[in-house]
Amino acid sequence: MHFKFDFKAGKGCNNDILFRGIKYDIVPGKGENKDVKEGEWYTYELIATGDKVEHKIGGKVVRAAKDAKAKASTIVLRAEFGEIEIKNVRVKGE
């Protein structure tokens, strides 16, 4: 499964992607998002193959993990705090 979208983090952005019980936070300038700047467009990708899950921003892997569940799951985009713009959402099955 390949889930992809473009995003622009705005002021106070702290928003989430939830997949297979794993939460990924989009918080510009912090942790795995240290290269993400407010007000600039980036491409986010979630790639799940078997039990492997990769999160990419701008083509760079920012997190990779194995998921013991490795089964179908919903994808949740949660607008938790601050501003975020999302466009060009694409999903490709296995």
PDB file of N, CA and C in Angstrom:
ATOM      1  N   MET A   1       0.842  -1.171   0.000  1.00  0.00           N
ATOM      2  CA  MET A   1       0.000   0.000   0.000  1.00  0.00           C
ATOM      3  C   MET A   1       0.890   1.238   0.000  1.00  0.00           C
ATOM      4  N   HIS A   2       0.525   2.196  -0.818  1.00  0.00           N
ATOM      5  CA  HIS A   2       1.278   3.437  -0.929  1.00  0.00           C
ATOM      6  C   HIS A   2       0.285   4.590  -0.793  1.00  0.00           C
ATOM      7  N   PHE A   3       0.437   5.394   0.247  1.00  0.00           N
ATOM      8  CA  PHE A   3      -0.422   6.527   0.544  1.00  0.00           C
ATOM      9  C   PHE A   3       0.441   7.774   0.450  1.00  0.00           C
ATOM     10  N   LYS A   4      -0.012   8.750  -0.318  1.00  0.00           N
ATOM     11  CA  LYS A   4       0.827   9.909  -0.609  1.00  0.00           C
ATOM     12  C   LYS A   4      -0.027  11.175  -0.652  1.00  0.00           C
ATOM     13  N   PHE A   5       0.511  12.265  -0.134  1.00  0.00           N
ATOM     14  CA  PHE A   5      -0.160  13.556  -0.248  1.00  0.00           C
ATOM     15  C   PHE A   5       0.867  14.670  -0.097  1.00  0.00           C
ATOM     16  N   ASP A   6       0.484  15.859  -0.561  1.00  0.00           N
ATOM     17  CA  ASP A   6       1.310  17.048  -0.399  1.00  0.00           C
ATOM     18  C   ASP A   6       0.739  17.841   0.767  1.00  0.00           C
ATOM     19  N   PHE A   7       1.635  18.418   1.561  1.00  0.00           N
ATOM     20  CA  PHE A   7       1.174  19.194   2.711  1.00  0.00           C
ATOM     21  C   PHE A   7       2.017  20.447   2.904  1.00  0.00           C
ATOM     22  N   LYS A   8       1.384  21.429   3.516  1.00  0.00           N
ATOM     23  CA  LYS A   8       2.069  22.654   3.919  1.00  0.00           C
ATOM     24  C   LYS A   8       1.694  22.908   5.370  1.00  0.00           C
ATOM     25  N   ALA A   9       2.685  22.812   6.242  1.00  0.00           N
ATOM     26  CA  ALA A   9       2.462  23.042   7.666  1.00  0.00           C
ATOM     27  C   ALA A   9       2.420  24.546   7.928  1.00  0.00           C
ATOM     28  N   GLY A  10       1.420  24.959   8.686  1.00  0.00           N
ATOM     29  CA  GLY A  10       1.279  26.363   9.039  1.00  0.00           C
ATOM     30  C   GLY A  10       1.610  26.605  10.500  1.00  0.00           C
ATOM     31  N   LYS A  11       1.246  27.775  10.965  1.00  0.00           N
ATOM     32  CA  LYS A  11       1.528  28.190  12.335  1.00  0.00           C
ATOM     33  C   LYS A  11       0.951  27.195  13.341  1.00  0.00           C
ATOM     34  N   GLY A  12       1.784  26.740  14.273  1.00  0.00           N
ATOM     35  CA  GLY A  12       1.339  25.863  15.346  1.00  0.00           C
ATOM     36  C   GLY A  12       0.996  24.446  14.924  1.00  0.00           C
ATOM     37  N   CYS A  13       1.424  24.030  13.733  1.00  0.00           N
ATOM     38  CA  CYS A  13       1.072  22.707  13.211  1.00  0.00           C
ATOM     39  C   CYS A  13       1.588  21.586  14.121  1.00  0.00           C
ATOM     40  N   ASN A  14       0.677  20.736  14.538  1.00  0.00           N
ATOM     41  CA  ASN A  14       0.981  19.491  15.255  1.00  0.00           C
ATOM     42  C   ASN A  14      -0.171  18.558  14.921  1.00  0.00           C
ATOM     43  N   ASN A  15      -0.069  17.919  13.759  1.00  0.00           N
ATOM     44  CA  ASN A  15      -1.145  17.091  13.253  1.00  0.00           C
ATOM     45  C   ASN A  15      -0.636  15.672  13.009  1.00  0.00           C
ATOM     46  N   ASP A  16      -1.543  14.712  12.925  1.00  0.00           N
ATOM     47  CA  ASP A  16      -1.150  13.305  12.966  1.00  0.00           C
ATOM     48  C   ASP A  16      -1.646  12.504  11.769  1.00  0.00           C
ATOM     49  N   ILE A  17      -0.893  11.418  11.511  1.00  0.00           N
ATOM     50  CA  ILE A  17      -1.323  10.353  10.623  1.00  0.00           C
ATOM     51  C   ILE A  17      -1.307   9.097  11.473  1.00  0.00           C
ATOM     52  N   LEU A  18      -2.414   8.374  11.509  1.00  0.00           N
ATOM     53  CA  LEU A  18      -2.495   7.132  12.269  1.00  0.00           C
ATOM     54  C   LEU A  18      -2.715   5.972  11.309  1.00  0.00           C
ATOM     55  N   PHE A  19      -1.887   4.922  11.457  1.00  0.00           N
ATOM     56  CA  PHE A  19      -1.969   3.758  10.588  1.00  0.00           C
ATOM     57  C   PHE A  19      -1.445   2.552  11.356  1.00  0.00           C
ATOM     58  N   ARG A  20      -2.223   1.471  11.359  1.00  0.00           N
ATOM     59  CA  ARG A  20      -1.852   0.241  12.070  1.00  0.00           C
ATOM     60  C   ARG A  20      -1.486   0.503  13.523  1.00  0.00           C
ATOM     61  N   GLY A  21      -2.203   1.413  14.151  1.00  0.00           N
ATOM     62  CA  GLY A  21      -1.961   1.708  15.559  1.00  0.00           C
ATOM     63  C   GLY A  21      -0.736   2.559  15.820  1.00  0.00           C
ATOM     64  N   ILE A  22      -0.079   3.026  14.758  1.00  0.00           N
ATOM     65  CA  ILE A  22       1.126   3.848  14.907  1.00  0.00           C
ATOM     66  C   ILE A  22       0.776   5.291  14.558  1.00  0.00           C
ATOM     67  N   LYS A  23       1.212   6.219  15.415  1.00  0.00           N
ATOM     68  CA  LYS A  23       0.948   7.639  15.184  1.00  0.00           C
ATOM     69  C   LYS A  23       2.220   8.308  14.684  1.00  0.00           C
ATOM     70  N   TYR A  24       2.088   9.086  13.603  1.00  0.00           N
ATOM     71  CA  TYR A  24       3.187   9.891  13.086  1.00  0.00           C
ATOM     72  C   TYR A  24       2.764  11.347  13.203  1.00  0.00           C
ATOM     73  N   ASP A  25       3.553  12.148  13.918  1.00  0.00           N
ATOM     74  CA  ASP A  25       3.246  13.564  14.117  1.00  0.00           C
ATOM     75  C   ASP A  25       3.935  14.418  13.067  1.00  0.00           C
ATOM     76  N   ILE A  26       3.190  15.350  12.503  1.00  0.00           N
ATOM     77  CA  ILE A  26       3.783  16.365  11.637  1.00  0.00           C
ATOM     78  C   ILE A  26       3.912  17.628  12.476  1.00  0.00           C
ATOM     79  N   VAL A  27       5.135  17.882  12.920  1.00  0.00           N
ATOM     80  CA  VAL A  27       5.457  19.069  13.709  1.00  0.00           C
ATOM     81  C   VAL A  27       6.715  19.677  13.096  1.00  0.00           C
ATOM     82  N   PRO A  28       6.578  20.788  12.363  1.00  0.00           N
ATOM     83  CA  PRO A  28       7.733  21.367  11.668  1.00  0.00           C
ATOM     84  C   PRO A  28       8.901  21.654  12.606  1.00  0.00           C
ATOM     85  N   GLY A  29      10.116  21.307  12.111  1.00  0.00           N
ATOM     86  CA  GLY A  29      11.331  21.649  12.826  1.00  0.00           C
ATOM     87  C   GLY A  29      11.661  20.785  14.030  1.00  0.00           C
ATOM     88  N   LYS A  30      10.876  19.745  14.303  1.00  0.00           N
ATOM     89  CA  LYS A  30      11.115  18.922  15.493  1.00  0.00           C
ATOM     90  C   LYS A  30      11.267  17.452  15.136  1.00  0.00           C
ATOM     91  N   GLY A  31      12.184  16.785  15.822  1.00  0.00           N
ATOM     92  CA  GLY A  31      12.348  15.342  15.680  1.00  0.00           C
ATOM     93  C   GLY A  31      12.494  14.895  14.242  1.00  0.00           C
ATOM     94  N   GLU A  32      11.641  13.972  13.838  1.00  0.00           N
ATOM     95  CA  GLU A  32      11.703  13.403  12.485  1.00  0.00           C
ATOM     96  C   GLU A  32      11.367  14.435  11.404  1.00  0.00           C
ATOM     97  N   ASN A  33      10.807  15.552  11.815  1.00  0.00           N
ATOM     98  CA  ASN A  33      10.425  16.617  10.875  1.00  0.00           C
ATOM     99  C   ASN A  33      11.377  17.810  10.943  1.00  0.00           C
ATOM    100  N   LYS A  34      12.619  17.572  11.372  1.00  0.00           N
ATOM    101  CA  LYS A  34      13.557  18.677  11.570  1.00  0.00           C
ATOM    102  C   LYS A  34      13.800  19.499  10.311  1.00  0.00           C
ATOM    103  N   ASP A  35      13.639  18.888   9.135  1.00  0.00           N
ATOM    104  CA  ASP A  35      13.854  19.606   7.874  1.00  0.00           C
ATOM    105  C   ASP A  35      12.586  20.250   7.315  1.00  0.00           C
ATOM    106  N   VAL A  36      11.453  20.054   7.980  1.00  0.00           N
ATOM    107  CA  VAL A  36      10.179  20.612   7.520  1.00  0.00           C
ATOM    108  C   VAL A  36      10.035  22.034   8.075  1.00  0.00           C
ATOM    109  N   LYS A  37       9.756  22.970   7.169  1.00  0.00           N
ATOM    110  CA  LYS A  37       9.589  24.368   7.565  1.00  0.00           C
ATOM    111  C   LYS A  37       8.145  24.802   7.356  1.00  0.00           C
ATOM    112  N   GLU A  38       7.661  25.655   8.240  1.00  0.00           N
ATOM    113  CA  GLU A  38       6.316  26.215   8.086  1.00  0.00           C
ATOM    114  C   GLU A  38       6.239  26.966   6.760  1.00  0.00           C
ATOM    115  N   GLY A  39       5.083  26.838   6.099  1.00  0.00           N
ATOM    116  CA  GLY A  39       4.823  27.607   4.891  1.00  0.00           C
ATOM    117  C   GLY A  39       5.404  27.047   3.605  1.00  0.00           C
ATOM    118  N   GLU A  40       6.044  25.874   3.654  1.00  0.00           N
ATOM    119  CA  GLU A  40       6.597  25.260   2.446  1.00  0.00           C
ATOM    120  C   GLU A  40       5.884  23.945   2.163  1.00  0.00           C
ATOM    121  N   TRP A  41       5.722  23.625   0.878  1.00  0.00           N
ATOM    122  CA  TRP A  41       5.063  22.381   0.470  1.00  0.00           C
ATOM    123  C   TRP A  41       6.039  21.216   0.500  1.00  0.00           C
ATOM    124  N   TYR A  42       5.562  20.063   0.984  1.00  0.00           N
ATOM    125  CA  TYR A  42       6.331  18.822   1.038  1.00  0.00           C
ATOM    126  C   TYR A  42       5.433  17.674   0.598  1.00  0.00           C
ATOM    127  N   THR A  43       6.059  16.598   0.146  1.00  0.00           N
ATOM    128  CA  THR A  43       5.313  15.384  -0.181  1.00  0.00           C
ATOM    129  C   THR A  43       5.557  14.374   0.924  1.00  0.00           C
ATOM    130  N   TYR A  44       4.461  13.850   1.490  1.00  0.00           N
ATOM    131  CA  TYR A  44       4.517  12.813   2.521  1.00  0.00           C
ATOM    132  C   TYR A  44       4.116  11.492   1.873  1.00  0.00           C
ATOM    133  N   GLU A  45       4.831  10.412   2.210  1.00  0.00           N
ATOM    134  CA  GLU A  45       4.491   9.084   1.712  1.00  0.00           C
ATOM    135  C   GLU A  45       4.493   8.088   2.862  1.00  0.00           C
ATOM    136  N   LEU A  46       3.515   7.226   2.853  1.00  0.00           N
ATOM    137  CA  LEU A  46       3.437   6.091   3.769  1.00  0.00           C
ATOM    138  C   LEU A  46       3.443   4.862   2.888  1.00  0.00           C
ATOM    139  N   ILE A  47       4.462   4.016   3.054  1.00  0.00           N
ATOM    140  CA  ILE A  47       4.594   2.827   2.223  1.00  0.00           C
ATOM    141  C   ILE A  47       4.599   1.612   3.142  1.00  0.00           C
ATOM    142  N   ALA A  48       3.627   0.729   2.941  1.00  0.00           N
ATOM    143  CA  ALA A  48       3.521  -0.485   3.749  1.00  0.00           C
ATOM    144  C   ALA A  48       3.674  -1.694   2.836  1.00  0.00           C
ATOM    145  N   THR A  49       4.678  -2.515   3.139  1.00  0.00           N
ATOM    146  CA  THR A  49       4.925  -3.743   2.392  1.00  0.00           C
ATOM    147  C   THR A  49       5.102  -4.853   3.423  1.00  0.00           C
ATOM    148  N   GLY A  50       4.131  -5.790   3.461  1.00  0.00           N
ATOM    149  CA  GLY A  50       4.188  -6.838   4.481  1.00  0.00           C
ATOM    150  C   GLY A  50       4.177  -6.215   5.857  1.00  0.00           C
ATOM    151  N   ASP A  51       5.195  -6.523   6.675  1.00  0.00           N
ATOM    152  CA  ASP A  51       5.238  -5.965   8.029  1.00  0.00           C
ATOM    153  C   ASP A  51       6.114  -4.711   8.122  1.00  0.00           C
ATOM    154  N   LYS A  52       6.616  -4.223   6.998  1.00  0.00           N
ATOM    155  CA  LYS A  52       7.466  -3.038   6.980  1.00  0.00           C
ATOM    156  C   LYS A  52       6.648  -1.796   6.651  1.00  0.00           C
ATOM    157  N   VAL A  53       6.841  -0.738   7.439  1.00  0.00           N
ATOM    158  CA  VAL A  53       6.149   0.538   7.213  1.00  0.00           C
ATOM    159  C   VAL A  53       7.203   1.638   7.153  1.00  0.00           C
ATOM    160  N   GLU A  54       7.178   2.417   6.062  1.00  0.00           N
ATOM    161  CA  GLU A  54       8.096   3.546   5.916  1.00  0.00           C
ATOM    162  C   GLU A  54       7.302   4.837   5.804  1.00  0.00           C
ATOM    163  N   HIS A  55       7.823   5.866   6.446  1.00  0.00           N
ATOM    164  CA  HIS A  55       7.286   7.218   6.324  1.00  0.00           C
ATOM    165  C   HIS A  55       8.367   8.034   5.635  1.00  0.00           C
ATOM    166  N   LYS A  56       7.991   8.731   4.566  1.00  0.00           N
ATOM    167  CA  LYS A  56       8.940   9.561   3.832  1.00  0.00           C
ATOM    168  C   LYS A  56       8.410  10.980   3.724  1.00  0.00           C
ATOM    169  N   ILE A  57       9.322  11.935   3.786  1.00  0.00           N
ATOM    170  CA  ILE A  57       8.992  13.328   3.516  1.00  0.00           C
ATOM    171  C   ILE A  57      10.034  13.832   2.529  1.00  0.00           C
ATOM    172  N   GLY A  58       9.553  14.339   1.409  1.00  0.00           N
ATOM    173  CA  GLY A  58      10.453  14.815   0.368  1.00  0.00           C
ATOM    174  C   GLY A  58      11.356  13.728  -0.179  1.00  0.00           C
ATOM    175  N   GLY A  59      10.859  12.482  -0.187  1.00  0.00           N
ATOM    176  CA  GLY A  59      11.619  11.363  -0.726  1.00  0.00           C
ATOM    177  C   GLY A  59      12.598  10.734   0.253  1.00  0.00           C
ATOM    178  N   LYS A  60      12.808  11.342   1.429  1.00  0.00           N
ATOM    179  CA  LYS A  60      13.724  10.809   2.441  1.00  0.00           C
ATOM    180  C   LYS A  60      12.949  10.011   3.484  1.00  0.00           C
ATOM    181  N   VAL A  61      13.461   8.837   3.842  1.00  0.00           N
ATOM    182  CA  VAL A  61      12.832   8.043   4.897  1.00  0.00           C
ATOM    183  C   VAL A  61      13.070   8.754   6.223  1.00  0.00           C
ATOM    184  N   VAL A  62      11.973   9.107   6.910  1.00  0.00           N
ATOM    185  CA  VAL A  62      12.079   9.765   8.213  1.00  0.00           C
ATOM    186  C   VAL A  62      11.754   8.812   9.358  1.00  0.00           C
ATOM    187  N   ARG A  63      11.104   7.694   9.034  1.00  0.00           N
ATOM    188  CA  ARG A  63      10.863   6.642  10.021  1.00  0.00           C
ATOM    189  C   ARG A  63      10.598   5.340   9.275  1.00  0.00           C
ATOM    190  N   ALA A  64      11.197   4.262   9.773  1.00  0.00           N
ATOM    191  CA  ALA A  64      10.940   2.923   9.231  1.00  0.00           C
ATOM    192  C   ALA A  64      10.765   1.995  10.420  1.00  0.00           C
ATOM    193  N   ALA A  65       9.775   1.117  10.331  1.00  0.00           N
ATOM    194  CA  ALA A  65       9.509   0.206  11.441  1.00  0.00           C
ATOM    195  C   ALA A  65       8.877  -1.066  10.917  1.00  0.00           C
ATOM    196  N   LYS A  66       8.937  -2.089  11.745  1.00  0.00           N
ATOM    197  CA  LYS A  66       8.215  -3.322  11.454  1.00  0.00           C
ATOM    198  C   LYS A  66       6.957  -3.302  12.304  1.00  0.00           C
ATOM    199  N   ASP A  67       5.882  -3.779  11.708  1.00  0.00           N
ATOM    200  CA  ASP A  67       4.599  -3.817  12.399  1.00  0.00           C
ATOM    201  C   ASP A  67       4.173  -5.269  12.541  1.00  0.00           C
ATOM    202  N   ALA A  68       4.111  -5.735  13.752  1.00  0.00           N
ATOM    203  CA  ALA A  68       3.771  -7.141  14.006  1.00  0.00           C
ATOM    204  C   ALA A  68       2.380  -7.495  13.488  1.00  0.00           C
ATOM    205  N   LYS A  69       1.479  -6.527  13.427  1.00  0.00           N
ATOM    206  CA  LYS A  69       0.110  -6.800  12.978  1.00  0.00           C
ATOM    207  C   LYS A  69       0.057  -7.060  11.479  1.00  0.00           C
ATOM    208  N   ALA A  70       0.750  -6.238  10.708  1.00  0.00           N
ATOM    209  CA  ALA A  70       0.851  -6.371   9.251  1.00  0.00           C
ATOM    210  C   ALA A  70      -0.458  -6.780   8.591  1.00  0.00           C
ATOM    211  N   LYS A  71      -1.513  -6.070   8.913  1.00  0.00           N
ATOM    212  CA  LYS A  71      -2.803  -6.341   8.286  1.00  0.00           C
ATOM    213  C   LYS A  71      -3.426  -5.026   7.834  1.00  0.00           C
ATOM    214  N   ALA A  72      -4.498  -5.135   7.108  1.00  0.00           N
ATOM    215  CA  ALA A  72      -5.172  -3.945   6.599  1.00  0.00           C
ATOM    216  C   ALA A  72      -5.579  -3.032   7.757  1.00  0.00           C
ATOM    217  N   SER A  73      -5.564  -1.759   7.502  1.00  0.00           N
ATOM    218  CA  SER A  73      -5.901  -0.775   8.525  1.00  0.00           C
ATOM    219  C   SER A  73      -6.433   0.481   7.856  1.00  0.00           C
ATOM    220  N   THR A  74      -7.180   1.242   8.606  1.00  0.00           N
ATOM    221  CA  THR A  74      -7.600   2.541   8.107  1.00  0.00           C
ATOM    222  C   THR A  74      -6.437   3.516   8.245  1.00  0.00           C
ATOM    223  N   ILE A  75      -6.486   4.568   7.455  1.00  0.00           N
ATOM    224  CA  ILE A  75      -5.529   5.666   7.570  1.00  0.00           C
ATOM    225  C   ILE A  75      -6.316   6.861   8.064  1.00  0.00           C
ATOM    226  N   VAL A  76      -5.816   7.479   9.109  1.00  0.00           N
ATOM    227  CA  VAL A  76      -6.501   8.631   9.690  1.00  0.00           C
ATOM    228  C   VAL A  76      -5.584   9.841   9.586  1.00  0.00           C
ATOM    229  N   LEU A  77      -6.083  10.917   8.988  1.00  0.00           N
ATOM    230  CA  LEU A  77      -5.415  12.215   9.019  1.00  0.00           C
ATOM    231  C   LEU A  77      -6.132  13.025  10.081  1.00  0.00           C
ATOM    232  N   ARG A  78      -5.426  13.337  11.147  1.00  0.00           N
ATOM    233  CA  ARG A  78      -6.087  14.030  12.256  1.00  0.00           C
ATOM    234  C   ARG A  78      -5.545  15.446  12.373  1.00  0.00           C
ATOM    235  N   ALA A  79      -6.424  16.422  12.165  1.00  0.00           N
ATOM    236  CA  ALA A  79      -6.076  17.821  12.366  1.00  0.00           C
ATOM    237  C   ALA A  79      -6.230  18.103  13.857  1.00  0.00           C
ATOM    238  N   GLU A  80      -5.123  17.991  14.564  1.00  0.00           N
ATOM    239  CA  GLU A  80      -5.152  18.102  16.020  1.00  0.00           C
ATOM    240  C   GLU A  80      -4.945  19.542  16.484  1.00  0.00           C
ATOM    241  N   PHE A  81      -3.823  20.159  16.075  1.00  0.00           N
ATOM    242  CA  PHE A  81      -3.525  21.533  16.480  1.00  0.00           C
ATOM    243  C   PHE A  81      -2.915  22.293  15.322  1.00  0.00           C
ATOM    244  N   GLY A  82      -3.184  23.564  15.249  1.00  0.00           N
ATOM    245  CA  GLY A  82      -2.552  24.430  14.271  1.00  0.00           C
ATOM    246  C   GLY A  82      -3.021  24.177  12.849  1.00  0.00           C
ATOM    247  N   GLU A  83      -2.347  24.859  11.942  1.00  0.00           N
ATOM    248  CA  GLU A  83      -2.754  24.854  10.543  1.00  0.00           C
ATOM    249  C   GLU A  83      -1.977  23.825   9.720  1.00  0.00           C
ATOM    250  N   ILE A  84      -2.687  23.186   8.794  1.00  0.00           N
ATOM    251  CA  ILE A  84      -2.045  22.333   7.799  1.00  0.00           C
ATOM    252  C   ILE A  84      -2.930  22.338   6.554  1.00  0.00           C
ATOM    253  N   GLU A  85      -2.297  22.441   5.392  1.00  0.00           N
ATOM    254  CA  GLU A  85      -3.013  22.322   4.125  1.00  0.00           C
ATOM    255  C   GLU A  85      -2.589  21.004   3.500  1.00  0.00           C
ATOM    256  N   ILE A  86      -3.556  20.294   2.924  1.00  0.00           N
ATOM    257  CA  ILE A  86      -3.289  19.007   2.292  1.00  0.00           C
ATOM    258  C   ILE A  86      -3.923  19.008   0.907  1.00  0.00           C
ATOM    259  N   LYS A  87      -3.181  18.496  -0.074  1.00  0.00           N
ATOM    260  CA  LYS A  87      -3.707  18.408  -1.434  1.00  0.00           C
ATOM    261  C   LYS A  87      -3.120  17.174  -2.118  1.00  0.00           C
ATOM    262  N   ASN A  88      -3.682  16.823  -3.249  1.00  0.00           N
ATOM    263  CA  ASN A  88      -3.191  15.720  -4.077  1.00  0.00           C
ATOM    264  C   ASN A  88      -3.058  14.403  -3.321  1.00  0.00           C
ATOM    265  N   VAL A  89      -4.109  13.981  -2.644  1.00  0.00           N
ATOM    266  CA  VAL A  89      -4.096  12.718  -1.905  1.00  0.00           C
ATOM    267  C   VAL A  89      -4.188  11.569  -2.907  1.00  0.00           C
ATOM    268  N   ARG A  90      -3.253  10.607  -2.795  1.00  0.00           N
ATOM    269  CA  ARG A  90      -3.226   9.452  -3.689  1.00  0.00           C
ATOM    270  C   ARG A  90      -3.049   8.187  -2.872  1.00  0.00           C
ATOM    271  N   VAL A  91      -3.732   7.124  -3.258  1.00  0.00           N
ATOM    272  CA  VAL A  91      -3.607   5.837  -2.599  1.00  0.00           C
ATOM    273  C   VAL A  91      -3.484   4.757  -3.663  1.00  0.00           C
ATOM    274  N   LYS A  92      -2.531   3.857  -3.474  1.00  0.00           N
ATOM    275  CA  LYS A  92      -2.322   2.752  -4.400  1.00  0.00           C
ATOM    276  C   LYS A  92      -2.262   1.474  -3.571  1.00  0.00           C
ATOM    277  N   GLY A  93      -3.119   0.512  -3.874  1.00  0.00           N
ATOM    278  CA  GLY A  93      -3.144  -0.747  -3.156  1.00  0.00           C
ATOM    279  C   GLY A  93      -1.969  -1.636  -3.539  1.00  0.00           C
ATOM    280  N   GLU A  94      -1.879  -2.763  -2.857  1.00  0.00           N
ATOM    281  CA  GLU A  94      -0.791  -3.708  -3.133  1.00  0.00           C
ATOM    282  C   GLU A  94      -1.014  -4.441  -4.430  1.00  0.00           C
TER     283      GLU A  94
END
